[in-house]
């Protein structure tokens, strides 16, 4: 599909190198360009798909790009960036298996509230993959959205609140996720005994140490930004 021009490394290569020598010179160059070629292919496919969808709506990709280049449309660009960032915050998490919660927490190298291990039980058995997505609320007009507004955002995005299984396995499988300065809040789908009506799990980092504990919302203060919130897509 793509015409790749191979530039020889030495001048004499253009003047009579044999086929065997030619192949030896080309291989490293092609290998280095594979990532660029793959990106170009993906980019072309995405632009083509966007152009086709715009045409169905009576629009033109050329016109859209021209308008986006105008300074007055910076807000539109910000909205597009927010959508693209949302694509990045998607995580595939394996749940199930044979380990109990104590073993998974230990493997996570996360400082967990002891009551989480004491009160919660993980489902064991057949392993399966689930999709967890995180989102921010920086687009809210209210700088301190209530838990009711956050729940509404879950519904708007088509996400369900996670169970303890999702949270614990997520923490164990994504040890290096940067959460310092932007903690992740997990509204639990099913209540945990003695955790209160509105208790949720809260993942944050303090220096080199990650922490997982309970966050009490109702009654209590509203959540302040910046935070990320996690939901499960089925």
C-alpha atoms as a PDB file:
ATOM      1  CA  UNK A   1       0.000   0.000   0.000  1.00  0.00           C
ATOM      2  CA  UNK A   2       2.858   2.388   0.832  1.00  0.00           C
ATOM      3  CA  UNK A   3       5.849   3.152  -1.387  1.00  0.00           C
ATOM      4  CA  UNK A   4       8.938   3.255   0.793  1.00  0.00           C
ATOM      5  CA  UNK A   5      12.038   4.837  -0.684  1.00  0.00           C
ATOM      6  CA  UNK A   6      15.128   3.100   0.653  1.00  0.00           C
ATOM      7  CA  UNK A   7      18.122   5.420   0.877  1.00  0.00           C
ATOM      8  CA  UNK A   8      21.434   3.523   0.666  1.00  0.00           C
ATOM      9  CA  UNK A   9      23.875   4.086   3.487  1.00  0.00           C
ATOM     10  CA  UNK A  10      26.984   4.314   1.209  1.00  0.00           C
ATOM     11  CA  UNK A  11      27.479   5.979  -2.222  1.00  0.00           C
ATOM     12  CA  UNK A  12      29.017   2.855  -3.779  1.00  0.00           C
ATOM     13  CA  UNK A  13      25.765   1.015  -3.064  1.00  0.00           C
ATOM     14  CA  UNK A  14      24.134   2.793  -5.997  1.00  0.00           C
ATOM     15  CA  UNK A  15      26.740   1.644  -8.472  1.00  0.00           C
ATOM     16  CA  UNK A  16      26.671  -2.105  -8.770  1.00  0.00           C
ATOM     17  CA  UNK A  17      26.060  -3.722  -5.380  1.00  0.00           C
ATOM     18  CA  UNK A  18      24.680  -7.215  -5.759  1.00  0.00           C
ATOM     19  CA  UNK A  19      21.201  -8.247  -4.718  1.00  0.00           C
ATOM     20  CA  UNK A  20      22.531  -9.948  -1.599  1.00  0.00           C
ATOM     21  CA  UNK A  21      24.391  -6.814  -0.534  1.00  0.00           C
ATOM     22  CA  UNK A  22      21.356  -4.693  -1.366  1.00  0.00           C
ATOM     23  CA  UNK A  23      19.153  -6.705   0.962  1.00  0.00           C
ATOM     24  CA  UNK A  24      21.653  -6.366   3.779  1.00  0.00           C
ATOM     25  CA  UNK A  25      21.629  -2.604   3.382  1.00  0.00           C
ATOM     26  CA  UNK A  26      17.852  -2.310   3.200  1.00  0.00           C
ATOM     27  CA  UNK A  27      16.780  -4.411   6.166  1.00  0.00           C
ATOM     28  CA  UNK A  28      17.822  -2.064   8.993  1.00  0.00           C
ATOM     29  CA  UNK A  29      16.236   0.927   7.244  1.00  0.00           C
ATOM     30  CA  UNK A  30      12.926  -0.860   6.711  1.00  0.00           C
ATOM     31  CA  UNK A  31      12.905  -2.115  10.293  1.00  0.00           C
ATOM     32  CA  UNK A  32      13.360   1.411  11.600  1.00  0.00           C
ATOM     33  CA  UNK A  33      10.488   2.706   9.455  1.00  0.00           C
ATOM     34  CA  UNK A  34       7.927   0.051  10.412  1.00  0.00           C
ATOM     35  CA  UNK A  35       6.474   2.095  13.290  1.00  0.00           C
ATOM     36  CA  UNK A  36       6.201   5.192  11.086  1.00  0.00           C
ATOM     37  CA  UNK A  37       4.530   3.208   8.313  1.00  0.00           C
ATOM     38  CA  UNK A  38       2.070   1.677  10.757  1.00  0.00           C
ATOM     39  CA  UNK A  39       1.235   5.100  12.186  1.00  0.00           C
ATOM     40  CA  UNK A  40       0.766   6.515   8.681  1.00  0.00           C
ATOM     41  CA  UNK A  41      -1.608   3.679   7.859  1.00  0.00           C
ATOM     42  CA  UNK A  42      -3.646   4.197  11.022  1.00  0.00           C
ATOM     43  CA  UNK A  43      -3.720   7.961  10.491  1.00  0.00           C
ATOM     44  CA  UNK A  44      -4.884   7.581   6.898  1.00  0.00           C
ATOM     45  CA  UNK A  45      -7.594   5.134   7.941  1.00  0.00           C
ATOM     46  CA  UNK A  46      -8.884   7.422  10.706  1.00  0.00           C
ATOM     47  CA  UNK A  47      -8.929  10.503   8.459  1.00  0.00           C
ATOM     48  CA  UNK A  48     -10.677   8.520   5.749  1.00  0.00           C
ATOM     49  CA  UNK A  49     -13.298   7.305   8.205  1.00  0.00           C
ATOM     50  CA  UNK A  50     -13.869  10.832   9.512  1.00  0.00           C
ATOM     51  CA  UNK A  51     -14.166  12.184   5.975  1.00  0.00           C
ATOM     52  CA  UNK A  52     -16.735   9.539   5.084  1.00  0.00           C
ATOM     53  CA  UNK A  53     -18.820  10.171   8.188  1.00  0.00           C
ATOM     54  CA  UNK A  54     -18.698  13.944   7.608  1.00  0.00           C
ATOM     55  CA  UNK A  55     -19.850  13.512   4.013  1.00  0.00           C
ATOM     56  CA  UNK A  56     -22.852  11.534   5.226  1.00  0.00           C
ATOM     57  CA  UNK A  57     -23.745  14.528   7.388  1.00  0.00           C
ATOM     58  CA  UNK A  58     -23.267  16.944   4.487  1.00  0.00           C
ATOM     59  CA  UNK A  59     -19.880  18.199   5.669  1.00  0.00           C
ATOM     60  CA  UNK A  60     -16.340  18.265   4.297  1.00  0.00           C
ATOM     61  CA  UNK A  61     -13.123  17.244   6.040  1.00  0.00           C
ATOM     62  CA  UNK A  62     -11.276  20.060   4.233  1.00  0.00           C
ATOM     63  CA  UNK A  63     -13.732  22.654   5.509  1.00  0.00           C
ATOM     64  CA  UNK A  64     -13.573  21.285   9.061  1.00  0.00           C
ATOM     65  CA  UNK A  65      -9.765  21.362   9.181  1.00  0.00           C
ATOM     66  CA  UNK A  66      -9.719  24.885   7.757  1.00  0.00           C
ATOM     67  CA  UNK A  67     -12.080  26.101  10.451  1.00  0.00           C
ATOM     68  CA  UNK A  68     -10.236  24.326  13.230  1.00  0.00           C
ATOM     69  CA  UNK A  69      -7.094  26.205  12.195  1.00  0.00           C
ATOM     70  CA  UNK A  70      -8.790  29.506  13.049  1.00  0.00           C
ATOM     71  CA  UNK A  71      -7.965  30.955  16.519  1.00  0.00           C
ATOM     72  CA  UNK A  72     -11.636  31.504  17.344  1.00  0.00           C
ATOM     73  CA  UNK A  73     -12.220  27.736  17.392  1.00  0.00           C
ATOM     74  CA  UNK A  74      -9.813  26.942  20.234  1.00  0.00           C
ATOM     75  CA  UNK A  75     -12.730  25.825  22.395  1.00  0.00           C
ATOM     76  CA  UNK A  76     -13.716  23.246  19.783  1.00  0.00           C
ATOM     77  CA  UNK A  77     -10.148  21.958  19.764  1.00  0.00           C
ATOM     78  CA  UNK A  78     -10.292  21.645  23.542  1.00  0.00           C
ATOM     79  CA  UNK A  79     -13.456  19.547  23.244  1.00  0.00           C
ATOM     80  CA  UNK A  80     -11.796  17.295  20.676  1.00  0.00           C
ATOM     81  CA  UNK A  81      -8.747  16.876  22.917  1.00  0.00           C
ATOM     82  CA  UNK A  82     -10.997  15.955  25.858  1.00  0.00           C
ATOM     83  CA  UNK A  83     -12.614  13.260  23.715  1.00  0.00           C
ATOM     84  CA  UNK A  84      -9.250  11.897  22.592  1.00  0.00           C
ATOM     85  CA  UNK A  85      -7.898  11.860  26.136  1.00  0.00           C
ATOM     86  CA  UNK A  86     -10.913   9.772  27.083  1.00  0.00           C
ATOM     87  CA  UNK A  87      -9.744   7.133  24.619  1.00  0.00           C
ATOM     88  CA  UNK A  88      -6.470   6.782  26.471  1.00  0.00           C
ATOM     89  CA  UNK A  89      -8.008   6.143  29.878  1.00  0.00           C
ATOM     90  CA  UNK A  90      -9.251   2.661  29.008  1.00  0.00           C
ATOM     91  CA  UNK A  91      -7.868  -0.334  30.872  1.00  0.00           C
ATOM     92  CA  UNK A  92      -8.347  -4.052  30.354  1.00  0.00           C
ATOM     93  CA  UNK A  93      -8.388  -5.824  33.706  1.00  0.00           C
ATOM     94  CA  UNK A  94      -8.366  -9.546  34.390  1.00  0.00           C
ATOM     95  CA  UNK A  95     -10.570 -10.585  37.312  1.00  0.00           C
ATOM     96  CA  UNK A  96     -11.258 -13.977  38.860  1.00  0.00           C
ATOM     97  CA  UNK A  97      -8.553 -16.587  39.344  1.00  0.00           C
ATOM     98  CA  UNK A  98      -7.491 -18.427  42.488  1.00  0.00           C
ATOM     99  CA  UNK A  99      -5.980 -15.703  44.671  1.00  0.00           C
ATOM    100  CA  UNK A 100      -7.923 -14.363  47.624  1.00  0.00           C
ATOM    101  CA  UNK A 101      -8.050 -10.663  48.373  1.00  0.00           C
ATOM    102  CA  UNK A 102      -5.130 -10.751  50.811  1.00  0.00           C
ATOM    103  CA  UNK A 103      -2.797 -12.256  48.186  1.00  0.00           C
ATOM    104  CA  UNK A 104      -3.896  -9.847  45.444  1.00  0.00           C
ATOM    105  CA  UNK A 105      -3.465  -6.846  47.756  1.00  0.00           C
ATOM    106  CA  UNK A 106       0.007  -8.067  48.721  1.00  0.00           C
ATOM    107  CA  UNK A 107       0.952  -8.487  45.053  1.00  0.00           C
ATOM    108  CA  UNK A 108      -0.274  -4.967  44.323  1.00  0.00           C
ATOM    109  CA  UNK A 109       2.421  -3.430  46.556  1.00  0.00           C
ATOM    110  CA  UNK A 110      -0.224  -0.919  47.603  1.00  0.00           C
ATOM    111  CA  UNK A 111      -0.809   0.275  51.165  1.00  0.00           C
ATOM    112  CA  UNK A 112      -4.434  -0.746  51.619  1.00  0.00           C
ATOM    113  CA  UNK A 113      -6.703  -0.004  54.533  1.00  0.00           C
ATOM    114  CA  UNK A 114      -6.812  -3.199  56.611  1.00  0.00           C
ATOM    115  CA  UNK A 115     -10.608  -3.104  56.704  1.00  0.00           C
ATOM    116  CA  UNK A 116     -10.713  -3.628  52.931  1.00  0.00           C
ATOM    117  CA  UNK A 117      -9.103  -7.045  53.302  1.00  0.00           C
ATOM    118  CA  UNK A 118     -11.214  -7.822  56.389  1.00  0.00           C
ATOM    119  CA  UNK A 119     -14.599  -6.859  54.935  1.00  0.00           C
ATOM    120  CA  UNK A 120     -14.285  -7.733  51.244  1.00  0.00           C
ATOM    121  CA  UNK A 121     -14.157 -11.024  49.370  1.00  0.00           C
ATOM    122  CA  UNK A 122     -13.034 -11.486  45.780  1.00  0.00           C
ATOM    123  CA  UNK A 123     -14.811 -13.737  43.333  1.00  0.00           C
ATOM    124  CA  UNK A 124     -12.627 -16.680  42.365  1.00  0.00           C
ATOM    125  CA  UNK A 125     -12.860 -19.152  39.540  1.00  0.00           C
ATOM    126  CA  UNK A 126     -12.750 -18.617  35.780  1.00  0.00           C
ATOM    127  CA  UNK A 127     -10.707 -15.586  34.780  1.00  0.00           C
ATOM    128  CA  UNK A 128     -12.243 -12.994  32.483  1.00  0.00           C
ATOM    129  CA  UNK A 129     -11.358  -9.595  31.094  1.00  0.00           C
ATOM    130  CA  UNK A 130     -13.330  -6.455  31.872  1.00  0.00           C
ATOM    131  CA  UNK A 131     -12.918  -2.878  30.685  1.00  0.00           C
ATOM    132  CA  UNK A 132     -12.444  -0.092  33.196  1.00  0.00           C
ATOM    133  CA  UNK A 133     -12.555   3.516  32.080  1.00  0.00           C
ATOM    134  CA  UNK A 134     -11.591   6.605  34.008  1.00  0.00           C
ATOM    135  CA  UNK A 135     -12.921  10.093  33.426  1.00  0.00           C
ATOM    136  CA  UNK A 136     -12.502  13.559  34.868  1.00  0.00           C
ATOM    137  CA  UNK A 137     -15.095  16.192  35.722  1.00  0.00           C
ATOM    138  CA  UNK A 138     -13.077  19.248  34.729  1.00  0.00           C
ATOM    139  CA  UNK A 139     -15.747  20.100  32.170  1.00  0.00           C
ATOM    140  CA  UNK A 140     -18.305  20.640  34.956  1.00  0.00           C
ATOM    141  CA  UNK A 141     -19.342  24.231  35.645  1.00  0.00           C
ATOM    142  CA  UNK A 142     -19.436  23.353  39.333  1.00  0.00           C
ATOM    143  CA  UNK A 143     -15.847  23.188  40.688  1.00  0.00           C
ATOM    144  CA  UNK A 144     -16.962  20.794  43.461  1.00  0.00           C
ATOM    145  CA  UNK A 145     -19.459  18.335  41.923  1.00  0.00           C
ATOM    146  CA  UNK A 146     -21.621  16.343  44.297  1.00  0.00           C
ATOM    147  CA  UNK A 147     -21.722  12.549  44.334  1.00  0.00           C
ATOM    148  CA  UNK A 148     -25.161  12.756  42.671  1.00  0.00           C
ATOM    149  CA  UNK A 149     -23.620  14.641  39.743  1.00  0.00           C
ATOM    150  CA  UNK A 150     -20.814  12.082  39.517  1.00  0.00           C
ATOM    151  CA  UNK A 151     -23.283   9.204  39.421  1.00  0.00           C
ATOM    152  CA  UNK A 152     -25.174  10.988  36.654  1.00  0.00           C
ATOM    153  CA  UNK A 153     -21.910  11.242  34.719  1.00  0.00           C
ATOM    154  CA  UNK A 154     -21.452   7.461  35.026  1.00  0.00           C
ATOM    155  CA  UNK A 155     -24.884   6.964  33.467  1.00  0.00           C
ATOM    156  CA  UNK A 156     -24.253   9.550  30.756  1.00  0.00           C
ATOM    157  CA  UNK A 157     -21.079   7.714  29.722  1.00  0.00           C
ATOM    158  CA  UNK A 158     -22.754   4.300  29.797  1.00  0.00           C
ATOM    159  CA  UNK A 159     -20.609   3.084  32.687  1.00  0.00           C
ATOM    160  CA  UNK A 160     -21.507   1.000  35.709  1.00  0.00           C
ATOM    161  CA  UNK A 161     -19.978   1.461  39.113  1.00  0.00           C
ATOM    162  CA  UNK A 162     -17.265  -1.107  39.855  1.00  0.00           C
ATOM    163  CA  UNK A 163     -17.280  -3.861  42.440  1.00  0.00           C
ATOM    164  CA  UNK A 164     -14.442  -4.466  44.862  1.00  0.00           C
ATOM    165  CA  UNK A 165     -13.117  -7.144  42.476  1.00  0.00           C
ATOM    166  CA  UNK A 166     -12.612  -4.569  39.738  1.00  0.00           C
ATOM    167  CA  UNK A 167     -10.855  -2.160  42.058  1.00  0.00           C
ATOM    168  CA  UNK A 168      -8.453  -4.619  43.708  1.00  0.00           C
ATOM    169  CA  UNK A 169      -7.405  -6.276  40.455  1.00  0.00           C
ATOM    170  CA  UNK A 170      -7.053  -2.871  38.766  1.00  0.00           C
ATOM    171  CA  UNK A 171      -4.737  -1.688  41.541  1.00  0.00           C
ATOM    172  CA  UNK A 172      -2.681  -4.884  41.295  1.00  0.00           C
ATOM    173  CA  UNK A 173      -2.364  -4.882  37.491  1.00  0.00           C
ATOM    174  CA  UNK A 174      -1.623  -1.181  37.008  1.00  0.00           C
ATOM    175  CA  UNK A 175       1.033  -0.581  39.649  1.00  0.00           C
ATOM    176  CA  UNK A 176       2.775   2.215  37.749  1.00  0.00           C
ATOM    177  CA  UNK A 177      -0.272   4.235  36.812  1.00  0.00           C
ATOM    178  CA  UNK A 178       0.527   7.860  37.730  1.00  0.00           C
ATOM    179  CA  UNK A 179      -2.104   8.860  40.289  1.00  0.00           C
ATOM    180  CA  UNK A 180      -0.098  11.408  42.253  1.00  0.00           C
ATOM    181  CA  UNK A 181      -1.932  14.700  42.017  1.00  0.00           C
ATOM    182  CA  UNK A 182      -4.943  13.019  40.356  1.00  0.00           C
ATOM    183  CA  UNK A 183      -6.344  10.265  42.567  1.00  0.00           C
ATOM    184  CA  UNK A 184      -8.906   7.784  41.267  1.00  0.00           C
ATOM    185  CA  UNK A 185     -12.249   7.368  43.007  1.00  0.00           C
ATOM    186  CA  UNK A 186     -14.281   4.167  42.712  1.00  0.00           C
ATOM    187  CA  UNK A 187     -17.997   4.327  43.509  1.00  0.00           C
ATOM    188  CA  UNK A 188     -18.881   0.773  44.474  1.00  0.00           C
ATOM    189  CA  UNK A 189     -21.807  -0.945  42.789  1.00  0.00           C
ATOM    190  CA  UNK A 190     -22.573  -3.215  45.744  1.00  0.00           C
ATOM    191  CA  UNK A 191     -22.431  -2.011  49.350  1.00  0.00           C
ATOM    192  CA  UNK A 192     -19.701  -3.347  51.611  1.00  0.00           C
ATOM    193  CA  UNK A 193     -20.716  -4.324  55.167  1.00  0.00           C
ATOM    194  CA  UNK A 194     -19.889  -1.608  57.716  1.00  0.00           C
ATOM    195  CA  UNK A 195     -18.572   0.699  55.014  1.00  0.00           C
ATOM    196  CA  UNK A 196     -21.476   3.142  55.193  1.00  0.00           C
ATOM    197  CA  UNK A 197     -24.087   3.967  52.602  1.00  0.00           C
ATOM    198  CA  UNK A 198     -21.858   6.194  50.500  1.00  0.00           C
ATOM    199  CA  UNK A 199     -18.390   4.809  51.170  1.00  0.00           C
ATOM    200  CA  UNK A 200     -16.242   4.568  48.064  1.00  0.00           C
ATOM    201  CA  UNK A 201     -12.675   3.418  47.461  1.00  0.00           C
ATOM    202  CA  UNK A 202      -9.991   6.012  46.878  1.00  0.00           C
ATOM    203  CA  UNK A 203      -6.603   5.362  45.185  1.00  0.00           C
ATOM    204  CA  UNK A 204      -3.858   7.943  45.587  1.00  0.00           C
ATOM    205  CA  UNK A 205      -0.087   8.203  45.732  1.00  0.00           C
ATOM    206  CA  UNK A 206       2.086   9.909  48.298  1.00  0.00           C
ATOM    207  CA  UNK A 207       5.656   9.909  47.041  1.00  0.00           C
ATOM    208  CA  UNK A 208       6.657   6.339  46.265  1.00  0.00           C
ATOM    209  CA  UNK A 209       3.717   4.822  48.162  1.00  0.00           C
ATOM    210  CA  UNK A 210       0.302   4.130  46.666  1.00  0.00           C
ATOM    211  CA  UNK A 211      -2.638   4.028  49.024  1.00  0.00           C
ATOM    212  CA  UNK A 212      -6.122   2.553  48.796  1.00  0.00           C
ATOM    213  CA  UNK A 213      -8.719   3.428  51.388  1.00  0.00           C
ATOM    214  CA  UNK A 214     -12.293   4.476  52.052  1.00  0.00           C
ATOM    215  CA  UNK A 215     -13.598   7.896  51.113  1.00  0.00           C
ATOM    216  CA  UNK A 216     -16.721   9.059  52.923  1.00  0.00           C
ATOM    217  CA  UNK A 217     -18.939  11.258  50.808  1.00  0.00           C
ATOM    218  CA  UNK A 218     -22.432  11.390  52.267  1.00  0.00           C
ATOM    219  CA  UNK A 219     -22.704  13.088  54.671  1.00  0.00           C
ATOM    220  CA  UNK A 220     -19.547  15.070  54.056  1.00  0.00           C
ATOM    221  CA  UNK A 221     -17.877  17.632  51.845  1.00  0.00           C
ATOM    222  CA  UNK A 222     -18.176  17.625  48.109  1.00  0.00           C
ATOM    223  CA  UNK A 223     -15.373  16.249  45.985  1.00  0.00           C
ATOM    224  CA  UNK A 224     -12.828  18.730  44.721  1.00  0.00           C
ATOM    225  CA  UNK A 225     -10.921  18.591  41.472  1.00  0.00           C
ATOM    226  CA  UNK A 226      -8.661  17.254  40.110  1.00  0.00           C
ATOM    227  CA  UNK A 227      -9.822  13.663  40.514  1.00  0.00           C
ATOM    228  CA  UNK A 228     -10.533  10.812  38.144  1.00  0.00           C
ATOM    229  CA  UNK A 229     -13.480   8.487  38.510  1.00  0.00           C
ATOM    230  CA  UNK A 230     -13.600   4.876  37.365  1.00  0.00           C
ATOM    231  CA  UNK A 231     -16.455   2.935  35.830  1.00  0.00           C
ATOM    232  CA  UNK A 232     -16.932  -0.443  34.189  1.00  0.00           C
ATOM    233  CA  UNK A 233     -18.065  -0.811  30.590  1.00  0.00           C
ATOM    234  CA  UNK A 234     -19.866  -4.031  29.763  1.00  0.00           C
END
